[in-house]
Each structure stands twice: as C-alpha cells, then as structure tokens.
Amino acid sequence: MTSFKALKAELMQNPEFRTEYEALAPEFEIARAVIYARETAGLSQRQLSEKTGITQSDINKLENGNANPTLKTLQRLAEGIGAKLTIEFQRA
C-alpha cells in the first residue's frame, strides 16, 4: 500500500498536477487555520456553530476545503472563537 506522502511526491512530479495543487494552497491554509483556532479554543464544530450561527455543515465544509468563505464569514468565526482575524500579504 502506498502512503499518502509517497503518492503526493510522485504526483508532484507532474507539472500540471503541481500547478493545480499549488493553486489550492491558500484555500487549504484557511481550512488549517480555522481548524487550529477552533481546536485551540477548545470548541467542537457544533459549539462554534452555536456561537456564530453558521451551520455545522458549513463549518465542516470549510474545514475540509470544500467551501470558500467570505471575509464576513471569517470574521464571524473569529468572533465565535474569541480571536482576532488578521490578513496579510507576503512577497513570494
């Protein structure tokens, strides 16, 4: 059985795959940031849903990289988590 890490390394050799994978990086960074902040706050998806009014299924979609949240949604999540939302641009 091939590990995910080995499969990813193999697929990344394909320039078309690499381009598409790298294009999705910002979306996955948002998902990871939301998961980390929620877990650090000690909240389940259900609890965060109750605090923000965002459905648990929408939070789940966002955390799985299947949704592209608006700035307003990110602000609501930050408030529910008790965090400050910051956005920055970094030179490539």
Protein backbone atom coordinates (compact mmCIF):
# COMPACT_ATOMS: atom_id res chain seq x y z
CA MET A 1 0.00 0.00 0.00
CA THR A 2 1.36 3.42 -0.99
CA SER A 3 1.44 6.10 1.70
CA PHE A 4 -0.14 9.48 1.06
CA LYS A 5 3.26 11.15 1.36
CA ALA A 6 4.76 8.84 -1.28
CA LEU A 7 1.77 9.27 -3.60
CA LYS A 8 1.90 13.05 -3.25
CA ALA A 9 5.65 13.10 -4.00
CA GLU A 10 5.04 11.04 -7.12
CA LEU A 11 2.14 13.20 -8.31
CA MET A 12 4.07 16.41 -7.68
CA GLN A 13 6.49 15.34 -10.41
CA ASN A 14 3.72 16.07 -12.91
CA PRO A 15 3.87 19.81 -13.74
CA GLU A 16 0.11 20.08 -14.37
CA PHE A 17 -0.70 18.42 -11.05
CA ARG A 18 1.84 20.60 -9.21
CA THR A 19 0.32 23.78 -10.68
CA GLU A 20 -3.21 22.80 -9.66
CA TYR A 21 -2.09 21.65 -6.21
CA GLU A 22 -0.22 24.90 -5.55
CA ALA A 23 -3.20 26.94 -6.76
CA LEU A 24 -5.30 25.40 -3.95
CA ALA A 25 -2.76 26.20 -1.22
CA PRO A 26 -4.48 29.38 0.06
CA GLU A 27 -7.80 27.56 0.49
CA PHE A 28 -6.15 24.76 2.45
CA GLU A 29 -4.26 27.31 4.58
CA ILE A 30 -7.60 28.89 5.54
CA ALA A 31 -9.02 25.48 6.42
CA ARG A 32 -5.98 24.61 8.57
CA ALA A 33 -6.13 28.00 10.30
CA VAL A 34 -9.81 27.60 11.17
CA ILE A 35 -9.28 24.07 12.49
CA TYR A 36 -6.29 25.15 14.57
CA ALA A 37 -8.06 28.19 16.03
CA ARG A 38 -11.22 26.22 16.82
CA GLU A 39 -9.33 23.38 18.48
CA THR A 40 -7.08 25.80 20.39
CA ALA A 41 -10.22 27.48 21.71
CA GLY A 42 -11.45 24.05 22.85
CA LEU A 43 -14.56 24.18 20.68
CA SER A 44 -16.25 21.49 18.67
CA GLN A 45 -17.76 22.33 15.31
CA ARG A 46 -21.19 22.18 16.93
CA GLN A 47 -20.19 24.63 19.67
CA LEU A 48 -18.69 27.02 17.12
CA SER A 49 -21.87 26.74 15.09
CA GLU A 50 -23.95 27.69 18.12
CA LYS A 51 -21.71 30.69 18.86
CA THR A 52 -21.67 32.01 15.29
CA GLY A 53 -24.96 30.99 13.74
CA ILE A 54 -23.01 29.32 10.93
CA THR A 55 -24.31 25.82 10.34
CA GLN A 56 -22.13 22.94 11.47
CA SER A 57 -22.25 21.52 7.96
CA ASP A 58 -20.87 24.81 6.57
CA ILE A 59 -18.07 24.80 9.16
CA ASN A 60 -17.32 21.20 8.22
CA LYS A 61 -17.22 22.07 4.51
CA LEU A 62 -14.86 24.97 5.21
CA GLU A 63 -12.56 22.80 7.34
CA ASN A 64 -12.49 20.12 4.64
CA GLY A 65 -11.55 22.63 1.94
CA ASN A 66 -14.93 22.29 0.22
CA ALA A 67 -16.00 25.91 0.72
CA ASN A 68 -14.50 29.30 0.06
CA PRO A 69 -15.54 31.55 2.95
CA THR A 70 -16.27 35.24 2.64
CA LEU A 71 -14.46 37.78 4.76
CA LYS A 72 -17.69 38.24 6.73
CA THR A 73 -17.80 34.50 7.50
CA LEU A 74 -14.18 34.53 8.64
CA GLN A 75 -14.95 37.50 10.91
CA ARG A 76 -17.92 35.65 12.44
CA LEU A 77 -15.75 32.59 13.04
CA ALA A 78 -13.03 34.71 14.65
CA GLU A 79 -15.56 36.32 16.98
CA GLY A 80 -17.02 32.92 17.89
CA ILE A 81 -13.56 31.57 18.63
CA GLY A 82 -12.63 34.66 20.61
CA ALA A 83 -9.83 35.55 18.22
CA LYS A 84 -8.81 38.49 16.07
CA LEU A 85 -8.85 37.96 12.32
CA THR A 86 -5.75 39.22 10.54
CA ILE A 87 -4.91 39.01 6.86
CA GLU A 88 -1.52 39.73 5.40
CA PHE A 89 0.21 39.69 2.06
CA GLN A 90 3.68 38.22 1.83
CA ARG A 91 6.09 38.64 -1.01
CA ALA A 92 6.55 35.44 -2.94
